[in-house]
Amino acid sequence: MKKLFMYFFIFILIPSSVYSWCSAPSPPYYKPSKPSVPWCVNEWNNTHTCDEWEISSYNNSIRNYNYEVERYIMDLQNYVDSARNYANCEINSLN
């Protein structure tokens, strides 16, 4: 019983920085890819021979791409924040 109390008090008295665990963040694994322009669009002359559904489909693809880019930017910002926290944790563990 005395050993149990002794271990407990040693555990309590040891600084918490000894127990800290700094976990390195991992970067976002998915980067969105831009949709390709439909074959019926002539980018040189800024004209097209596309049907309405092709244009609509391309616009939806662009809209989805924009949402994915926004999500990727948020993931990158979270990664930067986590990296900053990780660096501070490592610095604090040295003190």
N, C-alpha and C. Protein backbone atom coordinates (compact mmCIF):
# COMPACT_ATOMS: atom_id res chain seq x y z
N MET A 1 0.82 -1.19 0.00
CA MET A 1 0.00 0.00 0.00
C MET A 1 0.87 1.26 0.00
N LYS A 2 1.97 1.20 0.76
CA LYS A 2 2.86 2.35 0.80
C LYS A 2 3.50 2.59 -0.57
N LYS A 3 3.82 1.49 -1.27
CA LYS A 3 4.40 1.64 -2.60
C LYS A 3 3.41 2.31 -3.55
N LEU A 4 2.16 1.94 -3.43
CA LEU A 4 1.14 2.52 -4.28
C LEU A 4 1.05 4.03 -4.07
N PHE A 5 1.04 4.45 -2.81
CA PHE A 5 1.01 5.89 -2.52
C PHE A 5 2.28 6.58 -3.01
N MET A 6 3.41 5.92 -2.86
CA MET A 6 4.67 6.50 -3.29
C MET A 6 4.66 6.70 -4.82
N TYR A 7 4.24 5.69 -5.56
CA TYR A 7 4.16 5.81 -7.02
C TYR A 7 3.16 6.89 -7.43
N PHE A 8 2.07 6.95 -6.71
CA PHE A 8 1.05 7.95 -7.02
C PHE A 8 1.61 9.36 -6.84
N PHE A 9 2.29 9.61 -5.72
CA PHE A 9 2.84 10.94 -5.47
C PHE A 9 3.97 11.28 -6.44
N ILE A 10 4.77 10.31 -6.80
CA ILE A 10 5.83 10.56 -7.79
C ILE A 10 5.19 10.90 -9.13
N PHE A 11 4.15 10.18 -9.47
CA PHE A 11 3.44 10.43 -10.72
C PHE A 11 2.85 11.84 -10.75
N ILE A 12 2.29 12.26 -9.63
CA ILE A 12 1.68 13.59 -9.53
C ILE A 12 2.75 14.69 -9.56
N LEU A 13 3.87 14.46 -8.92
CA LEU A 13 4.88 15.50 -8.77
C LEU A 13 5.75 15.69 -10.01
N ILE A 14 5.82 14.70 -10.88
CA ILE A 14 6.64 14.83 -12.09
C ILE A 14 5.95 15.82 -13.01
N PRO A 15 6.71 16.74 -13.59
CA PRO A 15 6.09 17.77 -14.45
C PRO A 15 5.31 17.14 -15.60
N SER A 16 4.27 17.85 -15.98
CA SER A 16 3.40 17.33 -17.04
C SER A 16 4.09 17.33 -18.40
N SER A 17 5.14 18.15 -18.57
CA SER A 17 5.82 18.19 -19.86
C SER A 17 6.51 16.86 -20.17
N VAL A 18 6.83 16.11 -19.14
CA VAL A 18 7.43 14.80 -19.37
C VAL A 18 6.42 13.88 -20.04
N TYR A 19 5.17 14.06 -19.71
CA TYR A 19 4.12 13.20 -20.25
C TYR A 19 3.55 13.70 -21.57
N SER A 20 3.92 14.90 -21.96
CA SER A 20 3.33 15.45 -23.17
C SER A 20 3.79 14.66 -24.40
N TRP A 21 2.88 14.50 -25.30
CA TRP A 21 3.16 13.79 -26.54
C TRP A 21 2.80 14.72 -27.68
N CYS A 22 3.78 15.04 -28.49
CA CYS A 22 3.56 15.93 -29.62
C CYS A 22 3.35 15.08 -30.86
N SER A 23 2.21 15.23 -31.46
CA SER A 23 1.87 14.45 -32.64
C SER A 23 1.98 15.33 -33.88
N ALA A 24 2.84 14.92 -34.80
CA ALA A 24 3.04 15.70 -36.03
C ALA A 24 1.79 15.60 -36.92
N PRO A 25 1.34 16.72 -37.46
CA PRO A 25 0.16 16.68 -38.32
C PRO A 25 0.49 16.10 -39.69
N SER A 26 -0.51 15.58 -40.33
CA SER A 26 -0.31 15.07 -41.69
C SER A 26 -1.01 16.02 -42.67
N PRO A 27 -0.37 16.28 -43.80
CA PRO A 27 -0.96 17.22 -44.76
C PRO A 27 -2.18 16.62 -45.44
N PRO A 28 -3.01 17.46 -46.03
CA PRO A 28 -4.16 16.94 -46.78
C PRO A 28 -3.69 15.99 -47.88
N TYR A 29 -4.38 14.91 -48.03
CA TYR A 29 -3.94 13.89 -48.99
C TYR A 29 -4.61 14.04 -50.35
N TYR A 30 -5.61 14.86 -50.44
CA TYR A 30 -6.36 14.99 -51.69
C TYR A 30 -6.27 16.41 -52.20
N LYS A 31 -5.80 16.57 -53.41
CA LYS A 31 -5.77 17.88 -54.06
C LYS A 31 -6.72 17.81 -55.24
N PRO A 32 -7.68 18.73 -55.31
CA PRO A 32 -8.67 18.65 -56.40
C PRO A 32 -8.04 18.85 -57.77
N SER A 33 -8.60 18.18 -58.74
CA SER A 33 -8.11 18.34 -60.12
C SER A 33 -9.17 19.09 -60.92
N LYS A 34 -8.68 20.00 -61.72
CA LYS A 34 -9.56 20.85 -62.52
C LYS A 34 -10.23 20.02 -63.61
N PRO A 35 -11.54 20.21 -63.81
CA PRO A 35 -12.22 19.45 -64.87
C PRO A 35 -11.75 19.90 -66.25
N SER A 36 -11.74 18.98 -67.16
CA SER A 36 -11.30 19.32 -68.52
C SER A 36 -12.45 19.98 -69.29
N VAL A 37 -12.06 20.82 -70.19
CA VAL A 37 -13.03 21.53 -71.03
C VAL A 37 -13.63 20.53 -72.01
N PRO A 38 -14.93 20.60 -72.25
CA PRO A 38 -15.55 19.66 -73.20
C PRO A 38 -14.93 19.77 -74.60
N TRP A 39 -15.00 18.69 -75.30
CA TRP A 39 -14.39 18.63 -76.65
C TRP A 39 -15.06 19.61 -77.62
N CYS A 40 -16.29 19.97 -77.35
CA CYS A 40 -17.04 20.82 -78.27
C CYS A 40 -16.76 22.31 -78.09
N VAL A 41 -15.87 22.65 -77.18
CA VAL A 41 -15.53 24.06 -76.95
C VAL A 41 -14.24 24.38 -77.69
N ASN A 42 -14.28 25.43 -78.47
CA ASN A 42 -13.10 25.93 -79.17
C ASN A 42 -12.55 27.09 -78.35
N GLU A 43 -11.48 26.81 -77.59
CA GLU A 43 -10.95 27.83 -76.69
C GLU A 43 -10.25 28.96 -77.44
N TRP A 44 -9.79 28.70 -78.64
CA TRP A 44 -9.10 29.74 -79.41
C TRP A 44 -10.06 30.82 -79.88
N ASN A 45 -11.21 30.39 -80.37
CA ASN A 45 -12.19 31.34 -80.91
C ASN A 45 -13.28 31.72 -79.91
N ASN A 46 -13.24 31.11 -78.73
CA ASN A 46 -14.28 31.33 -77.72
C ASN A 46 -15.67 31.01 -78.26
N THR A 47 -15.76 29.90 -78.95
CA THR A 47 -17.04 29.43 -79.47
C THR A 47 -17.24 27.99 -79.04
N HIS A 48 -18.45 27.51 -79.23
CA HIS A 48 -18.72 26.10 -78.92
C HIS A 48 -19.84 25.58 -79.80
N THR A 49 -19.85 24.27 -79.91
CA THR A 49 -20.92 23.58 -80.63
C THR A 49 -21.57 22.56 -79.71
N CYS A 50 -21.56 22.86 -78.43
CA CYS A 50 -22.04 21.91 -77.42
C CYS A 50 -23.56 21.96 -77.30
N ASP A 51 -24.10 20.83 -76.88
CA ASP A 51 -25.51 20.79 -76.51
C ASP A 51 -25.65 21.43 -75.13
N GLU A 52 -26.88 21.75 -74.81
CA GLU A 52 -27.15 22.40 -73.52
C GLU A 52 -26.74 21.52 -72.34
N TRP A 53 -26.97 20.21 -72.45
CA TRP A 53 -26.64 19.32 -71.35
C TRP A 53 -25.13 19.23 -71.13
N GLU A 54 -24.34 19.36 -72.21
CA GLU A 54 -22.89 19.34 -72.06
C GLU A 54 -22.39 20.58 -71.32
N ILE A 55 -22.94 21.72 -71.68
CA ILE A 55 -22.58 22.97 -71.00
C ILE A 55 -23.01 22.91 -69.54
N SER A 56 -24.20 22.41 -69.31
CA SER A 56 -24.71 22.29 -67.94
C SER A 56 -23.84 21.34 -67.11
N SER A 57 -23.47 20.24 -67.72
CA SER A 57 -22.61 19.27 -67.04
C SER A 57 -21.25 19.88 -66.71
N TYR A 58 -20.70 20.62 -67.64
CA TYR A 58 -19.41 21.27 -67.41
C TYR A 58 -19.53 22.32 -66.30
N ASN A 59 -20.60 23.09 -66.31
CA ASN A 59 -20.81 24.08 -65.25
C ASN A 59 -20.94 23.41 -63.88
N ASN A 60 -21.62 22.27 -63.83
CA ASN A 60 -21.72 21.53 -62.57
C ASN A 60 -20.35 21.02 -62.13
N SER A 61 -19.55 20.58 -63.08
CA SER A 61 -18.20 20.12 -62.75
C SER A 61 -17.35 21.26 -62.20
N ILE A 62 -17.48 22.43 -62.78
CA ILE A 62 -16.76 23.61 -62.29
C ILE A 62 -17.23 23.98 -60.89
N ARG A 63 -18.53 23.94 -60.68
CA ARG A 63 -19.09 24.25 -59.36
C ARG A 63 -18.56 23.26 -58.31
N ASN A 64 -18.56 21.98 -58.64
CA ASN A 64 -18.02 20.97 -57.72
C ASN A 64 -16.53 21.18 -57.48
N TYR A 65 -15.82 21.53 -58.52
CA TYR A 65 -14.39 21.81 -58.38
C TYR A 65 -14.15 22.98 -57.43
N ASN A 66 -14.96 24.02 -57.55
CA ASN A 66 -14.82 25.17 -56.66
C ASN A 66 -15.08 24.79 -55.21
N TYR A 67 -16.08 23.94 -54.96
CA TYR A 67 -16.34 23.46 -53.60
C TYR A 67 -15.16 22.63 -53.09
N GLU A 68 -14.60 21.79 -53.94
CA GLU A 68 -13.46 20.98 -53.54
C GLU A 68 -12.24 21.84 -53.24
N VAL A 69 -12.05 22.90 -54.01
CA VAL A 69 -10.93 23.82 -53.76
C VAL A 69 -11.13 24.52 -52.42
N GLU A 70 -12.36 24.97 -52.14
CA GLU A 70 -12.63 25.60 -50.85
C GLU A 70 -12.35 24.65 -49.71
N ARG A 71 -12.76 23.40 -49.85
CA ARG A 71 -12.52 22.39 -48.82
C ARG A 71 -11.02 22.14 -48.66
N TYR A 72 -10.30 22.09 -49.77
CA TYR A 72 -8.86 21.88 -49.73
C TYR A 72 -8.16 23.04 -49.02
N ILE A 73 -8.62 24.25 -49.29
CA ILE A 73 -8.04 25.42 -48.62
C ILE A 73 -8.28 25.34 -47.12
N MET A 74 -9.48 24.94 -46.72
CA MET A 74 -9.77 24.78 -45.28
C MET A 74 -8.88 23.69 -44.68
N ASP A 75 -8.70 22.58 -45.40
CA ASP A 75 -7.83 21.51 -44.91
C ASP A 75 -6.39 21.99 -44.77
N LEU A 76 -5.92 22.78 -45.74
CA LEU A 76 -4.57 23.34 -45.65
C LEU A 76 -4.44 24.28 -44.47
N GLN A 77 -5.46 25.10 -44.23
CA GLN A 77 -5.42 26.02 -43.09
C GLN A 77 -5.38 25.24 -41.78
N ASN A 78 -6.18 24.17 -41.69
CA ASN A 78 -6.14 23.31 -40.50
C ASN A 78 -4.78 22.67 -40.33
N TYR A 79 -4.16 22.28 -41.44
CA TYR A 79 -2.83 21.69 -41.38
C TYR A 79 -1.80 22.69 -40.87
N VAL A 80 -1.88 23.92 -41.35
CA VAL A 80 -0.96 24.97 -40.90
C VAL A 80 -1.15 25.23 -39.40
N ASP A 81 -2.40 25.30 -38.96
CA ASP A 81 -2.67 25.51 -37.54
C ASP A 81 -2.15 24.35 -36.70
N SER A 82 -2.35 23.14 -37.18
CA SER A 82 -1.86 21.96 -36.46
C SER A 82 -0.34 21.93 -36.44
N ALA A 83 0.29 22.35 -37.53
CA ALA A 83 1.75 22.39 -37.57
C ALA A 83 2.28 23.42 -36.58
N ARG A 84 1.61 24.55 -36.48
CA ARG A 84 2.01 25.57 -35.50
C ARG A 84 1.87 25.03 -34.08
N ASN A 85 0.76 24.35 -33.80
CA ASN A 85 0.56 23.75 -32.48
C ASN A 85 1.61 22.69 -32.20
N TYR A 86 1.95 21.91 -33.20
CA TYR A 86 2.98 20.88 -33.05
C TYR A 86 4.33 21.51 -32.73
N ALA A 87 4.68 22.57 -33.46
CA ALA A 87 5.96 23.24 -33.21
C ALA A 87 5.99 23.81 -31.79
N ASN A 88 4.90 24.40 -31.35
CA ASN A 88 4.85 24.93 -29.98
C ASN A 88 4.95 23.81 -28.95
N CYS A 89 4.33 22.69 -29.23
CA CYS A 89 4.42 21.54 -28.32
C CYS A 89 5.85 21.05 -28.21
N GLU A 90 6.54 20.95 -29.34
CA GLU A 90 7.94 20.52 -29.32
C GLU A 90 8.81 21.51 -28.56
N ILE A 91 8.56 22.80 -28.77
CA ILE A 91 9.33 23.82 -28.04
C ILE A 91 9.08 23.71 -26.55
N ASN A 92 7.81 23.53 -26.17
CA ASN A 92 7.48 23.41 -24.74
C ASN A 92 8.07 22.16 -24.13
N SER A 93 8.20 21.11 -24.90
CA SER A 93 8.77 19.88 -24.35
C SER A 93 10.27 20.01 -24.10
N LEU A 94 10.91 20.99 -24.74
CA LEU A 94 12.33 21.22 -24.51
C LEU A 94 12.58 22.01 -23.24
N ASN A 95 11.61 22.76 -22.81
CA ASN A 95 11.78 23.61 -21.61
C ASN A 95 11.59 22.84 -20.35
